[in-house]
Amino acid sequence: MTSHAPDMAEITRLFTDEEGRFRFARWSRPIVPVIFGVSEDSLPPLKGAIESVVLTAGHKLSDMDPELGANLMIFFLNDWKELSEVENMDQLVPELPELLPRLQAAQADQYRFFRFERDNSIRAAFIFLRMRGPLATMPATDLGIEQMVKTMLLWSPRAFRERSPMARVGEGGETVLRPDISALLSAAYDPVLPDFSEEETLSLRLMARAGQYFN
């Protein structure tokens, strides 16, 4: 497990996209999640995991968004073609006809996209999980934590490609959020920071605050 708070270079990498642009965005409104396609016994641990990550960040959950109803939608699927069979899914994902062949060809197990406010903070998020391979064997709590971490901020597409945001405590122990990522989430939702920024110097401010939360 990481034994130090994230430094400026690490933070900059986590928010730099594949074109080399630094882009940071966080939610500016309470998060209202709704989950589709899971059994009733999976809902409590998934919701508990979502809540724990949101609370770690110091952000808020709500039962209703006054404009959108729900602003975080999570879909569990067995196959990508199921998306084309969901009523009105083409309105939710306008690029669906072009997207599905790409996901199938890549044998992707997850897809996520955001909608943004006028000030570029996060307005809504949509997560699609194809429950095959490693995802299908993950405990519901672990899956919920991982997906929610990836949805709390506009991370770089490469942010967790090589290393999970989670860590295991002890041999065969419980899975927890990595301390450096937990500290960074808390720092990212500090009220004095902007909801959106393209200034790389924000990494320095995030580093200073993350150090206060790291333990």
Protein backbone atom coordinates (compact mmCIF):
# COMPACT_ATOMS: atom_id res chain seq x y z
CA MET A 1 0.00 0.00 0.00
CA THR A 2 1.22 3.53 -0.77
CA SER A 3 3.04 4.94 2.26
CA HIS A 4 3.14 8.60 1.22
CA ALA A 5 0.72 11.31 0.18
CA PRO A 6 0.56 11.92 -3.58
CA ASP A 7 3.11 14.41 -4.90
CA MET A 8 2.56 17.05 -7.56
CA ALA A 9 3.83 14.89 -10.44
CA GLU A 10 1.56 12.00 -9.48
CA ILE A 11 -1.47 14.28 -9.19
CA THR A 12 -0.74 15.97 -12.50
CA ARG A 13 -0.55 12.56 -14.21
CA LEU A 14 -3.88 11.51 -12.72
CA PHE A 15 -5.65 14.46 -14.36
CA THR A 16 -3.79 14.73 -17.66
CA ASP A 17 -5.61 13.24 -20.65
CA GLU A 18 -4.08 11.36 -23.55
CA GLU A 19 -3.65 14.60 -25.52
CA GLY A 20 -1.53 16.02 -22.70
CA ARG A 21 -4.19 18.42 -21.36
CA PHE A 22 -4.69 18.89 -17.65
CA ARG A 23 -8.42 18.76 -16.83
CA PHE A 24 -9.90 18.59 -13.34
CA ALA A 25 -13.63 18.45 -12.65
CA ARG A 26 -15.74 17.45 -9.66
CA TRP A 27 -19.44 17.22 -8.91
CA SER A 28 -21.05 20.53 -8.01
CA ARG A 29 -24.44 19.08 -7.05
CA PRO A 30 -25.44 16.23 -4.71
CA ILE A 31 -25.22 12.78 -6.30
CA VAL A 32 -28.43 10.80 -6.83
CA PRO A 33 -27.56 7.22 -7.88
CA VAL A 34 -29.83 4.60 -9.43
CA ILE A 35 -28.70 1.06 -10.26
CA PHE A 36 -30.14 -1.23 -12.95
CA GLY A 37 -29.68 -4.92 -13.64
CA VAL A 38 -28.58 -6.36 -10.28
CA SER A 39 -30.19 -8.72 -7.81
CA GLU A 40 -31.80 -7.37 -4.65
CA ASP A 41 -29.09 -8.83 -2.42
CA SER A 42 -26.40 -6.92 -4.35
CA LEU A 43 -28.06 -3.53 -3.94
CA PRO A 44 -27.23 -2.89 -0.24
CA PRO A 45 -23.46 -3.47 -0.57
CA LEU A 46 -23.33 -1.47 -3.80
CA LYS A 47 -25.20 1.44 -2.27
CA GLY A 48 -23.10 1.22 0.88
CA ALA A 49 -19.91 1.37 -1.18
CA ILE A 50 -21.16 4.39 -3.13
CA GLU A 51 -22.05 6.18 0.08
CA SER A 52 -18.69 5.45 1.69
CA VAL A 53 -16.75 6.95 -1.23
CA VAL A 54 -18.96 10.04 -1.41
CA LEU A 55 -18.55 10.58 2.34
CA THR A 56 -14.78 10.10 2.06
CA ALA A 57 -14.72 12.93 -0.44
CA GLY A 58 -16.84 15.11 1.83
CA HIS A 59 -19.53 15.42 -0.84
CA LYS A 60 -23.27 14.73 -0.57
CA LEU A 61 -25.84 12.18 -1.71
CA SER A 62 -29.50 12.99 -2.23
CA ASP A 63 -32.75 11.16 -2.99
CA MET A 64 -33.73 13.42 -5.87
CA ASP A 65 -32.15 15.85 -8.29
CA PRO A 66 -34.65 18.65 -8.99
CA GLU A 67 -33.76 18.74 -12.70
CA LEU A 68 -32.68 15.21 -13.56
CA GLY A 69 -34.30 12.96 -10.97
CA ALA A 70 -31.26 10.69 -10.87
CA ASN A 71 -27.90 11.99 -12.04
CA LEU A 72 -25.78 8.85 -11.64
CA MET A 73 -27.03 5.81 -13.55
CA ILE A 74 -25.26 2.46 -13.27
CA PHE A 75 -26.19 -0.35 -15.66
CA PHE A 76 -25.11 -3.98 -15.20
CA LEU A 77 -25.13 -6.02 -18.43
CA ASN A 78 -24.26 -9.50 -19.60
CA ASP A 79 -23.51 -8.35 -23.14
CA TRP A 80 -23.13 -4.99 -24.86
CA LYS A 81 -25.94 -5.74 -27.32
CA GLU A 82 -28.37 -5.42 -24.40
CA LEU A 83 -27.89 -1.66 -24.57
CA SER A 84 -29.59 -1.51 -27.96
CA GLU A 85 -32.60 -3.34 -26.48
CA VAL A 86 -33.19 -0.85 -23.64
CA GLU A 87 -36.02 1.56 -24.41
CA ASN A 88 -34.86 5.15 -25.04
CA MET A 89 -31.20 4.21 -24.50
CA ASP A 90 -30.36 5.93 -27.79
CA GLN A 91 -31.60 9.19 -26.25
CA LEU A 92 -29.40 8.70 -23.20
CA VAL A 93 -26.40 7.71 -25.33
CA PRO A 94 -26.83 9.49 -28.70
CA GLU A 95 -23.68 7.89 -30.15
CA LEU A 96 -24.92 4.38 -29.31
CA PRO A 97 -24.91 2.95 -32.90
CA GLU A 98 -21.22 3.86 -33.30
CA LEU A 99 -20.27 3.02 -29.72
CA LEU A 100 -21.56 -0.56 -29.50
CA PRO A 101 -19.33 -2.01 -32.26
CA ARG A 102 -16.28 -0.39 -30.66
CA LEU A 103 -17.07 -1.82 -27.23
CA GLN A 104 -17.71 -5.27 -28.67
CA ALA A 105 -14.55 -5.23 -30.79
CA ALA A 106 -12.44 -4.15 -27.81
CA GLN A 107 -14.13 -6.74 -25.56
CA ALA A 108 -14.48 -3.88 -23.07
CA ASP A 109 -15.91 -4.66 -19.64
CA GLN A 110 -16.87 -1.09 -18.73
CA TYR A 111 -17.74 2.26 -20.22
CA ARG A 112 -18.34 5.58 -18.49
CA PHE A 113 -19.23 9.05 -19.62
CA PHE A 114 -20.12 12.37 -18.04
CA ARG A 115 -22.42 15.29 -18.70
CA PHE A 116 -21.23 18.72 -17.57
CA GLU A 117 -22.68 21.94 -16.22
CA ARG A 118 -22.12 25.25 -18.00
CA ASP A 119 -19.13 25.86 -15.70
CA ASN A 120 -17.74 22.42 -16.71
CA SER A 121 -18.29 20.79 -13.31
CA ILE A 122 -19.84 17.30 -13.39
CA ARG A 123 -23.61 17.34 -13.86
CA ALA A 124 -24.32 13.62 -14.40
CA ALA A 125 -22.53 10.33 -15.00
CA PHE A 126 -23.46 7.05 -16.67
CA ILE A 127 -21.67 3.76 -15.99
CA PHE A 128 -22.10 0.59 -18.05
CA LEU A 129 -20.57 -2.63 -16.72
CA ARG A 130 -20.38 -5.83 -18.75
CA MET A 131 -20.27 -8.54 -16.13
CA ARG A 132 -17.77 -10.91 -17.68
CA GLY A 133 -14.25 -11.86 -16.64
CA PRO A 134 -12.72 -10.12 -13.58
CA LEU A 135 -15.72 -7.85 -13.00
CA ALA A 136 -18.03 -10.84 -12.64
CA THR A 137 -15.97 -12.23 -9.76
CA MET A 138 -15.54 -8.99 -7.80
CA PRO A 139 -17.49 -8.69 -4.54
CA ALA A 140 -20.27 -6.11 -4.83
CA THR A 141 -18.66 -3.82 -2.25
CA ASP A 142 -15.30 -3.81 -4.04
CA LEU A 143 -16.96 -3.17 -7.38
CA GLY A 144 -19.00 -0.32 -5.94
CA ILE A 145 -15.97 1.35 -4.37
CA GLU A 146 -13.88 1.10 -7.52
CA GLN A 147 -16.59 2.43 -9.82
CA MET A 148 -17.53 5.29 -7.52
CA VAL A 149 -13.92 6.41 -7.13
CA LYS A 150 -13.63 6.53 -10.93
CA THR A 151 -16.81 8.63 -11.10
CA MET A 152 -16.14 11.20 -8.37
CA LEU A 153 -13.67 13.15 -10.50
CA LEU A 154 -12.74 13.59 -14.14
CA TRP A 155 -9.65 11.42 -13.97
CA SER A 156 -7.25 10.79 -16.82
CA PRO A 157 -8.28 7.73 -18.88
CA ARG A 158 -4.93 6.24 -17.82
CA ALA A 159 -5.29 7.05 -14.11
CA PHE A 160 -6.04 3.51 -12.88
CA ARG A 161 -5.05 1.50 -15.93
CA GLU A 162 -1.97 0.00 -14.29
CA ARG A 163 -2.92 0.22 -10.63
CA SER A 164 -6.27 -0.09 -8.88
CA PRO A 165 -7.46 2.72 -6.58
CA MET A 166 -7.98 0.03 -3.94
CA ALA A 167 -5.67 -2.02 -1.74
CA ARG A 168 -6.06 -5.09 0.43
CA VAL A 169 -5.34 -4.86 4.16
CA GLY A 170 -3.33 -7.82 5.40
CA GLU A 171 -3.20 -11.26 3.84
CA GLY A 172 -6.71 -12.12 2.71
CA GLY A 173 -8.03 -9.00 4.46
CA GLU A 174 -10.70 -6.54 3.45
CA THR A 175 -10.37 -4.28 0.43
CA VAL A 176 -10.07 -0.57 1.19
CA LEU A 177 -9.44 2.61 -0.70
CA ARG A 178 -5.73 3.37 -1.06
CA PRO A 179 -4.74 6.05 1.49
CA ASP A 180 -3.26 8.31 -1.20
CA ILE A 181 -6.43 8.18 -3.29
CA SER A 182 -8.61 8.69 -0.22
CA ALA A 183 -6.56 11.76 0.72
CA LEU A 184 -6.72 13.09 -2.83
CA LEU A 185 -10.51 12.69 -2.96
CA SER A 186 -10.86 14.63 0.27
CA ALA A 187 -8.54 17.33 -1.04
CA ALA A 188 -10.35 17.52 -4.38
CA TYR A 189 -13.63 18.39 -2.66
CA ASP A 190 -12.15 21.08 -0.42
CA PRO A 191 -14.65 23.98 -0.73
CA VAL A 192 -11.93 26.52 -1.47
CA LEU A 193 -10.90 24.72 -4.67
CA PRO A 194 -12.66 25.25 -8.02
CA ASP A 195 -15.16 22.74 -9.41
CA PHE A 196 -13.28 22.78 -12.71
CA SER A 197 -9.79 23.75 -13.77
CA GLU A 198 -7.41 23.35 -16.68
CA GLU A 199 -4.54 24.94 -14.76
CA GLU A 200 -1.79 22.46 -13.93
CA THR A 201 -0.88 24.56 -10.89
CA LEU A 202 -4.00 23.14 -9.24
CA SER A 203 -1.90 20.00 -8.64
CA LEU A 204 0.19 21.96 -6.15
CA ARG A 205 -2.90 23.03 -4.21
CA LEU A 206 -4.25 19.48 -4.27
CA MET A 207 -0.92 18.12 -3.04
CA ALA A 208 -0.86 20.54 -0.08
CA ARG A 209 -4.37 19.57 0.98
CA ALA A 210 -3.92 15.84 0.37
CA GLY A 211 -1.00 15.87 2.76
CA GLN A 212 -3.34 17.07 5.51
CA TYR A 213 -5.77 14.21 4.91
CA PHE A 214 -3.23 11.42 4.44
CA ASN A 215 -2.91 8.83 7.20
